[in-house]
Amino acid sequence: MTALTLTLNQVSRRVAAFDRVWLGLALALLLGVMAAPEQTGRSLVFVAEALLYISPFLAVSVGVAAYAGASGADNLIARVFQGGQARMILIAAIFGGLSPFCSCGVIPLIAALLAMGVPLAPVMAFWLASPIMDPEMFILTAAAIGPGFATAKAAAAVALGLVGGFATLALQRFGLFAMPLKPGVGDGGCAAGSVHSDGRVAWRFWRAPERWAKFWRDARWNALFLGKWLTLAFVLESLMLAYVPADAIANLLGGDSLFAVPLAVIVGVPAYLNGYAAIPLVGGLIDLGMAPAAGLAFMVAGGVTSVPAAIAVFALVRAPVFAAYIATALLGAMLVGLAGMMILG
């Protein structure tokens, strides 16, 4: 009995030590193989392709964040974000709306900036604008739906970043969001800071063994951290693609009514489509008679709150910051849709 108790205790400790996300994925895979083997196979292929697609962006962002921490360049980055927050919010929103990074690819840099004490408001502005538009998406949207719609979507990305950034700044003045990062994020991983506290920058950091060790430690931590959450995100996205067909969304948003914009926002919040997959769907709905403004609201709300983007935010920040992220997406998408009714018709 004692031996059995000791064995059970050892198993319990090992299970507790094992990361819950990986454990959940393993259990989901086991259940999927037993209940729906064909869909499980398709989901595995989808996840592998999605991870392969994002791997170059992920490698660059992880490497840059690890380099900044190991060399001490993060001190310079932090100083760039000092000064007037209004100016930084404006710059962050514009850069987020035009940058080629997706919401997942900038996670290490965002975590590093927050861990270094960069104000949350400009970071929030960048994070909100980033998943909505990038140069490639602008070109594809202009070709499929029209240059006017693509321009409006790019403007919406910047506008949402500005709304989120200044709203966050206002809430911080009331004492909210004092500690945005979750415990364990940014301390010992995720480019928490420089090796030395004197602010010196060693551009050739590999000459110092302790800096070289920090580079690999941060890079490994970031890669495992992101790989875990992105794998979960893509698994959920594959299941939503399989069990929430595009026809269901088309039936909900295919009309042109007074409630088209609010309904588009509500449907767009749990949208399973990424920004690229949403382009032909929205284009087809507009051809069927949906108001372009509703399509714009759907793409904005879905882009910010899609499974990969939302999980990326949830993995890093505390619940109040995550709630503010979702609330800003809802309100911002609604305002974008209403403005679009006047501009796009």
Protein backbone atom coordinates (compact mmCIF):
# COMPACT_ATOMS: atom_id res chain seq x y z
CA MET A 1 0.00 0.00 0.00
CA THR A 2 2.82 2.34 0.86
CA ALA A 3 4.67 1.51 -2.35
CA LEU A 4 1.48 2.10 -4.34
CA THR A 5 0.97 5.44 -2.62
CA LEU A 6 4.53 6.47 -3.39
CA THR A 7 4.10 5.45 -7.01
CA LEU A 8 0.89 7.42 -7.35
CA ASN A 9 2.54 10.44 -5.76
CA GLN A 10 5.43 10.22 -8.20
CA VAL A 11 3.03 9.99 -11.14
CA SER A 12 1.04 12.95 -9.83
CA ARG A 13 4.18 15.07 -9.48
CA ARG A 14 5.31 14.19 -12.98
CA VAL A 15 1.90 15.00 -14.44
CA ALA A 16 1.83 18.30 -12.55
CA ALA A 17 5.31 19.13 -13.80
CA PHE A 18 4.34 18.38 -17.40
CA ASP A 19 3.07 21.44 -19.21
CA ARG A 20 -0.72 21.50 -19.21
CA VAL A 21 -0.95 22.72 -22.78
CA TRP A 22 1.14 19.85 -24.14
CA LEU A 23 -0.77 17.44 -21.93
CA GLY A 24 -4.08 18.77 -23.26
CA LEU A 25 -2.85 18.46 -26.84
CA ALA A 26 -1.72 14.89 -26.24
CA LEU A 27 -5.08 13.94 -24.74
CA ALA A 28 -6.94 15.68 -27.57
CA LEU A 29 -4.84 13.77 -30.12
CA LEU A 30 -5.59 10.48 -28.38
CA LEU A 31 -9.32 11.19 -28.29
CA GLY A 32 -9.24 12.38 -31.89
CA VAL A 33 -7.57 9.20 -33.11
CA MET A 34 -10.27 7.14 -31.39
CA ALA A 35 -13.31 9.28 -32.27
CA ALA A 36 -12.48 10.92 -35.62
CA PRO A 37 -9.28 9.51 -37.10
CA GLU A 38 -9.76 11.07 -40.55
CA GLN A 39 -10.29 14.57 -39.17
CA THR A 40 -7.38 14.09 -36.78
CA GLY A 41 -5.14 13.31 -39.72
CA ARG A 42 -6.34 16.39 -41.59
CA SER A 43 -5.82 18.52 -38.49
CA LEU A 44 -2.26 17.28 -38.09
CA VAL A 45 -1.51 18.16 -41.71
CA PHE A 46 -3.10 21.60 -41.24
CA VAL A 47 -1.05 22.27 -38.09
CA ALA A 48 2.18 21.15 -39.75
CA GLU A 49 1.58 23.36 -42.79
CA ALA A 50 0.62 26.35 -40.63
CA LEU A 51 3.71 25.99 -38.44
CA LEU A 52 5.89 25.61 -41.54
CA TYR A 53 4.41 28.76 -43.05
CA ILE A 54 4.95 30.86 -39.96
CA SER A 55 8.37 29.39 -39.07
CA PRO A 56 10.45 32.03 -40.98
CA PHE A 57 8.64 34.91 -39.23
CA LEU A 58 8.91 33.07 -35.93
CA ALA A 59 12.63 32.39 -36.35
CA VAL A 60 13.36 36.03 -37.14
CA SER A 61 11.34 37.38 -34.23
CA VAL A 62 12.76 34.85 -31.75
CA GLY A 63 16.29 35.56 -32.95
CA VAL A 64 15.89 39.33 -32.79
CA ALA A 65 14.42 39.19 -29.29
CA ALA A 66 17.17 36.84 -28.06
CA TYR A 67 19.86 39.01 -29.69
CA ALA A 68 18.45 42.14 -28.07
CA GLY A 69 18.56 40.52 -24.65
CA ALA A 70 21.99 38.92 -25.00
CA SER A 71 23.72 41.97 -26.47
CA GLY A 72 22.05 44.52 -24.21
CA ALA A 73 20.47 46.25 -27.20
CA ASP A 74 17.13 45.98 -25.43
CA ASN A 75 18.23 48.99 -23.38
CA LEU A 76 18.46 51.02 -26.59
CA ILE A 77 15.06 49.74 -27.73
CA ALA A 78 13.53 50.71 -24.42
CA ARG A 79 15.02 54.21 -24.70
CA VAL A 80 13.40 54.61 -28.13
CA PHE A 81 10.03 54.10 -26.45
CA GLN A 82 10.70 56.76 -23.86
CA GLY A 83 9.23 60.20 -24.18
CA GLY A 84 5.73 61.24 -25.12
CA GLN A 85 3.42 58.24 -25.21
CA ALA A 86 1.05 59.95 -27.62
CA ARG A 87 3.77 60.09 -30.25
CA MET A 88 4.74 56.48 -29.59
CA ILE A 89 1.13 55.31 -29.88
CA LEU A 90 0.84 57.00 -33.26
CA ILE A 91 4.09 55.48 -34.53
CA ALA A 92 3.22 52.03 -33.17
CA ALA A 93 -0.25 52.05 -34.77
CA ILE A 94 1.08 53.08 -38.18
CA PHE A 95 3.95 50.60 -38.06
CA GLY A 96 1.62 47.82 -36.89
CA GLY A 97 -0.77 48.47 -39.76
CA LEU A 98 2.03 48.39 -42.35
CA SER A 99 4.47 45.83 -40.95
CA PRO A 100 4.81 42.38 -42.55
CA PHE A 101 4.59 40.61 -39.19
CA CYS A 102 1.53 38.64 -38.16
CA SER A 103 0.29 38.72 -34.58
CA CYS A 104 2.16 35.52 -33.74
CA GLY A 105 5.47 36.58 -35.24
CA VAL A 106 5.82 39.65 -33.03
CA ILE A 107 5.10 37.86 -29.74
CA PRO A 108 8.75 37.62 -28.60
CA LEU A 109 9.41 41.29 -29.36
CA ILE A 110 6.20 42.37 -27.63
CA ALA A 111 7.01 40.27 -24.57
CA ALA A 112 10.55 41.64 -24.48
CA LEU A 113 9.34 45.24 -24.72
CA LEU A 114 6.81 44.76 -21.93
CA ALA A 115 9.36 42.97 -19.76
CA MET A 116 11.79 45.88 -20.23
CA GLY A 117 9.19 48.30 -18.93
CA VAL A 118 8.04 49.76 -22.25
CA PRO A 119 4.61 51.33 -21.67
CA LEU A 120 1.68 49.08 -22.45
CA ALA A 121 -0.23 51.70 -24.47
CA PRO A 122 2.05 51.83 -27.55
CA VAL A 123 2.54 48.09 -27.36
CA MET A 124 -1.22 47.59 -27.38
CA ALA A 125 -1.52 49.94 -30.37
CA PHE A 126 0.99 47.88 -32.32
CA TRP A 127 -0.51 44.55 -31.28
CA LEU A 128 -4.03 45.53 -32.32
CA ALA A 129 -3.04 46.91 -35.70
CA SER A 130 -0.62 44.15 -36.67
CA PRO A 131 -2.99 41.20 -37.38
CA ILE A 132 -5.40 43.25 -39.51
CA MET A 133 -3.19 44.29 -42.41
CA ASP A 134 0.23 43.73 -43.94
CA PRO A 135 1.64 44.57 -47.40
CA GLU A 136 0.86 41.16 -48.93
CA MET A 137 -2.66 41.17 -47.55
CA PHE A 138 -3.21 44.68 -48.92
CA ILE A 139 -2.29 43.55 -52.43
CA LEU A 140 -4.49 40.45 -52.28
CA THR A 141 -7.43 42.40 -50.84
CA ALA A 142 -7.13 45.10 -53.50
CA ALA A 143 -7.08 42.45 -56.24
CA ALA A 144 -10.00 40.41 -54.87
CA ILE A 145 -12.33 43.08 -53.45
CA GLY A 146 -11.01 46.41 -54.65
CA PRO A 147 -8.38 49.04 -53.84
CA GLY A 148 -10.91 51.19 -52.00
CA PHE A 149 -11.79 48.36 -49.63
CA ALA A 150 -8.11 47.50 -49.10
CA THR A 151 -7.28 51.12 -48.31
CA ALA A 152 -10.20 51.31 -45.88
CA LYS A 153 -8.99 48.13 -44.15
CA ALA A 154 -5.46 49.53 -43.81
CA ALA A 155 -6.87 52.76 -42.37
CA ALA A 156 -9.04 50.68 -40.02
CA ALA A 157 -5.95 48.84 -38.74
CA VAL A 158 -4.23 52.10 -37.86
CA ALA A 159 -7.42 53.55 -36.38
CA LEU A 160 -7.98 50.49 -34.18
CA GLY A 161 -4.40 50.71 -32.98
CA LEU A 162 -4.88 54.36 -32.07
CA VAL A 163 -8.16 53.67 -30.25
CA GLY A 164 -6.62 50.80 -28.30
CA GLY A 165 -3.44 52.67 -27.49
CA PHE A 166 -5.08 55.85 -26.21
CA ALA A 167 -7.80 53.89 -24.37
CA THR A 168 -5.11 51.87 -22.62
CA LEU A 169 -3.23 55.05 -21.74
CA ALA A 170 -6.39 56.54 -20.23
CA LEU A 171 -7.10 53.41 -18.18
CA GLN A 172 -3.53 53.31 -16.91
CA ARG A 173 -3.98 56.77 -15.44
CA PHE A 174 -6.63 55.22 -13.19
CA GLY A 175 -4.15 52.65 -11.96
CA LEU A 176 -5.11 49.75 -14.22
CA PHE A 177 -2.71 47.38 -15.99
CA ALA A 178 0.16 48.01 -13.57
CA MET A 179 1.52 44.50 -14.22
CA PRO A 180 0.49 43.44 -17.73
CA LEU A 181 2.57 40.26 -18.11
CA LYS A 182 1.67 36.92 -16.58
CA PRO A 183 3.98 35.55 -13.87
CA GLY A 184 6.95 33.78 -15.41
CA VAL A 185 6.78 35.67 -18.70
CA GLY A 186 9.75 37.96 -19.06
CA ASP A 187 11.72 36.75 -16.03
CA GLY A 188 14.16 34.07 -17.01
CA GLY A 189 12.84 33.87 -20.53
CA CYS A 190 11.31 35.92 -23.27
CA ALA A 191 14.25 38.32 -23.34
CA ALA A 192 13.72 39.62 -19.86
CA GLY A 193 16.55 42.05 -19.97
CA SER A 194 20.25 42.50 -20.37
CA VAL A 195 22.88 40.36 -18.81
CA HIS A 196 24.47 43.42 -17.27
CA SER A 197 22.60 46.21 -15.56
CA ASP A 198 25.02 48.96 -16.57
CA GLY A 199 23.36 49.47 -19.94
CA ARG A 200 26.42 48.51 -22.00
CA VAL A 201 25.73 47.04 -25.45
CA ALA A 202 27.92 44.21 -26.74
CA TRP A 203 26.97 43.89 -30.40
CA ARG A 204 29.30 40.88 -30.77
CA PHE A 205 27.79 39.23 -27.74
CA TRP A 206 29.06 35.75 -28.67
CA ARG A 207 32.52 36.73 -27.42
CA ALA A 208 31.20 36.69 -23.86
CA PRO A 209 30.25 33.16 -22.70
CA GLU A 210 27.52 34.39 -20.32
CA ARG A 211 25.87 36.43 -23.09
CA TRP A 212 26.10 33.55 -25.54
CA ALA A 213 24.45 31.28 -22.96
CA LYS A 214 21.70 33.86 -22.42
CA PHE A 215 21.05 34.08 -26.16
CA TRP A 216 20.45 30.36 -26.47
CA ARG A 217 18.49 30.21 -23.22
CA ASP A 218 16.11 32.98 -24.33
CA ALA A 219 15.83 31.66 -27.89
CA ARG A 220 15.02 28.16 -26.66
CA TRP A 221 12.51 29.45 -24.10
CA ASN A 222 10.77 31.62 -26.69
CA ALA A 223 10.68 28.88 -29.32
CA LEU A 224 9.16 26.34 -26.92
CA PHE A 225 6.74 28.87 -25.48
CA LEU A 226 5.50 29.98 -28.88
CA GLY A 227 5.50 26.51 -30.35
CA LYS A 228 3.23 25.31 -27.57
CA TRP A 229 0.64 28.05 -27.92
CA LEU A 230 0.73 28.23 -31.71
CA THR A 231 0.24 24.47 -31.98
CA LEU A 232 -2.84 24.76 -29.77
CA ALA A 233 -4.10 27.71 -31.80
CA PHE A 234 -3.74 25.92 -35.13
CA VAL A 235 -5.37 22.77 -33.78
CA LEU A 236 -8.42 24.79 -32.73
CA GLU A 237 -8.44 26.63 -36.06
CA SER A 238 -8.38 23.36 -37.99
CA LEU A 239 -11.36 22.05 -36.01
CA MET A 240 -13.32 25.25 -36.60
CA LEU A 241 -12.57 25.04 -40.32
CA ALA A 242 -13.89 21.50 -40.33
CA TYR A 243 -17.01 21.93 -38.22
CA VAL A 244 -18.02 25.55 -38.84
CA PRO A 245 -18.39 25.70 -42.62
CA ALA A 246 -18.14 28.94 -44.53
CA ASP A 247 -21.73 28.49 -45.71
CA ALA A 248 -22.93 29.06 -42.15
CA ILE A 249 -21.22 32.44 -42.03
CA ALA A 250 -22.48 33.26 -45.51
CA ASN A 251 -26.06 32.60 -44.43
CA LEU A 252 -25.67 34.93 -41.43
CA LEU A 253 -23.92 37.78 -43.18
CA GLY A 254 -25.26 37.53 -46.70
CA GLY A 255 -27.96 40.12 -46.25
CA ASP A 256 -27.90 43.91 -46.14
CA SER A 257 -29.84 45.17 -43.15
CA LEU A 258 -29.65 47.63 -40.30
CA PHE A 259 -28.07 44.96 -38.13
CA ALA A 260 -25.46 43.91 -40.69
CA VAL A 261 -22.52 45.63 -38.98
CA PRO A 262 -23.27 44.51 -35.37
CA LEU A 263 -23.95 40.99 -36.60
CA ALA A 264 -20.72 40.97 -38.60
CA VAL A 265 -18.79 41.98 -35.47
CA ILE A 266 -20.45 39.30 -33.35
CA VAL A 267 -19.79 36.60 -35.95
CA GLY A 268 -16.28 37.89 -36.57
CA VAL A 269 -15.18 37.60 -32.93
CA PRO A 270 -14.91 33.79 -32.94
CA ALA A 271 -14.04 33.78 -36.66
CA TYR A 272 -11.97 30.79 -37.56
CA LEU A 273 -10.62 32.36 -40.75
CA ASN A 274 -7.23 33.97 -40.97
CA GLY A 275 -6.85 37.24 -42.83
CA TYR A 276 -5.96 35.61 -46.14
CA ALA A 277 -8.73 33.00 -46.07
CA ALA A 278 -11.29 35.69 -45.22
CA ILE A 279 -10.57 37.66 -48.41
CA PRO A 280 -12.42 35.40 -50.90
CA LEU A 281 -15.25 34.78 -48.42
CA VAL A 282 -15.90 38.48 -47.84
CA GLY A 283 -15.52 39.21 -51.52
CA GLY A 284 -18.14 36.58 -52.32
CA LEU A 285 -20.51 37.90 -49.63
CA ILE A 286 -20.22 41.42 -51.02
CA ASP A 287 -21.05 40.03 -54.47
CA LEU A 288 -24.13 38.44 -52.90
CA GLY A 289 -25.28 41.81 -51.60
CA MET A 290 -23.67 42.22 -48.21
CA ALA A 291 -22.76 45.81 -47.36
CA PRO A 292 -19.01 46.41 -47.75
CA ALA A 293 -19.03 48.08 -44.33
CA ALA A 294 -20.26 44.84 -42.75
CA GLY A 295 -17.52 42.92 -44.54
CA LEU A 296 -14.96 45.39 -43.24
CA ALA A 297 -16.26 45.03 -39.67
CA PHE A 298 -16.17 41.25 -39.99
CA MET A 299 -12.55 41.23 -41.16
CA VAL A 300 -11.39 43.67 -38.48
CA ALA A 301 -13.12 41.84 -35.62
CA GLY A 302 -12.08 38.42 -36.90
CA GLY A 303 -8.48 39.46 -37.52
CA VAL A 304 -7.90 40.67 -33.98
CA THR A 305 -9.86 37.95 -32.19
CA SER A 306 -9.06 34.97 -34.41
CA VAL A 307 -7.81 31.92 -32.57
CA PRO A 308 -4.05 32.39 -33.23
CA ALA A 309 -4.12 36.11 -32.46
CA ALA A 310 -6.23 35.78 -29.31
CA ILE A 311 -4.26 32.85 -27.92
CA ALA A 312 -1.03 34.73 -28.59
CA VAL A 313 -2.25 37.59 -26.40
CA PHE A 314 -3.76 35.29 -23.77
CA ALA A 315 -0.48 33.39 -23.42
CA LEU A 316 1.44 36.50 -22.43
CA VAL A 317 -0.74 38.93 -20.51
CA ARG A 318 -2.95 38.95 -17.46
CA ALA A 319 -6.73 38.68 -17.68
CA PRO A 320 -7.50 42.44 -17.47
CA VAL A 321 -5.18 43.21 -20.38
CA PHE A 322 -6.64 40.36 -22.42
CA ALA A 323 -10.17 41.57 -21.66
CA ALA A 324 -9.20 45.08 -22.79
CA TYR A 325 -7.77 43.60 -25.99
CA ILE A 326 -11.03 41.81 -26.83
CA ALA A 327 -13.22 44.75 -25.79
CA THR A 328 -11.20 47.13 -27.96
CA ALA A 329 -11.56 44.76 -30.90
CA LEU A 330 -15.35 44.67 -30.43
CA LEU A 331 -15.81 48.39 -30.03
CA GLY A 332 -13.24 49.28 -32.68
CA ALA A 333 -14.71 46.92 -35.27
CA MET A 334 -18.16 48.35 -34.60
CA LEU A 335 -16.91 51.92 -35.09
CA VAL A 336 -15.01 50.88 -38.20
CA GLY A 337 -18.15 49.31 -39.65
CA LEU A 338 -20.27 52.37 -38.91
CA ALA A 339 -17.66 54.66 -40.46
CA GLY A 340 -17.46 52.31 -43.42
CA MET A 341 -21.20 52.72 -44.03
CA MET A 342 -20.57 56.39 -44.73
CA ILE A 343 -17.44 55.82 -46.82
CA LEU A 344 -17.99 52.52 -48.61
CA GLY A 345 -21.77 52.51 -48.67
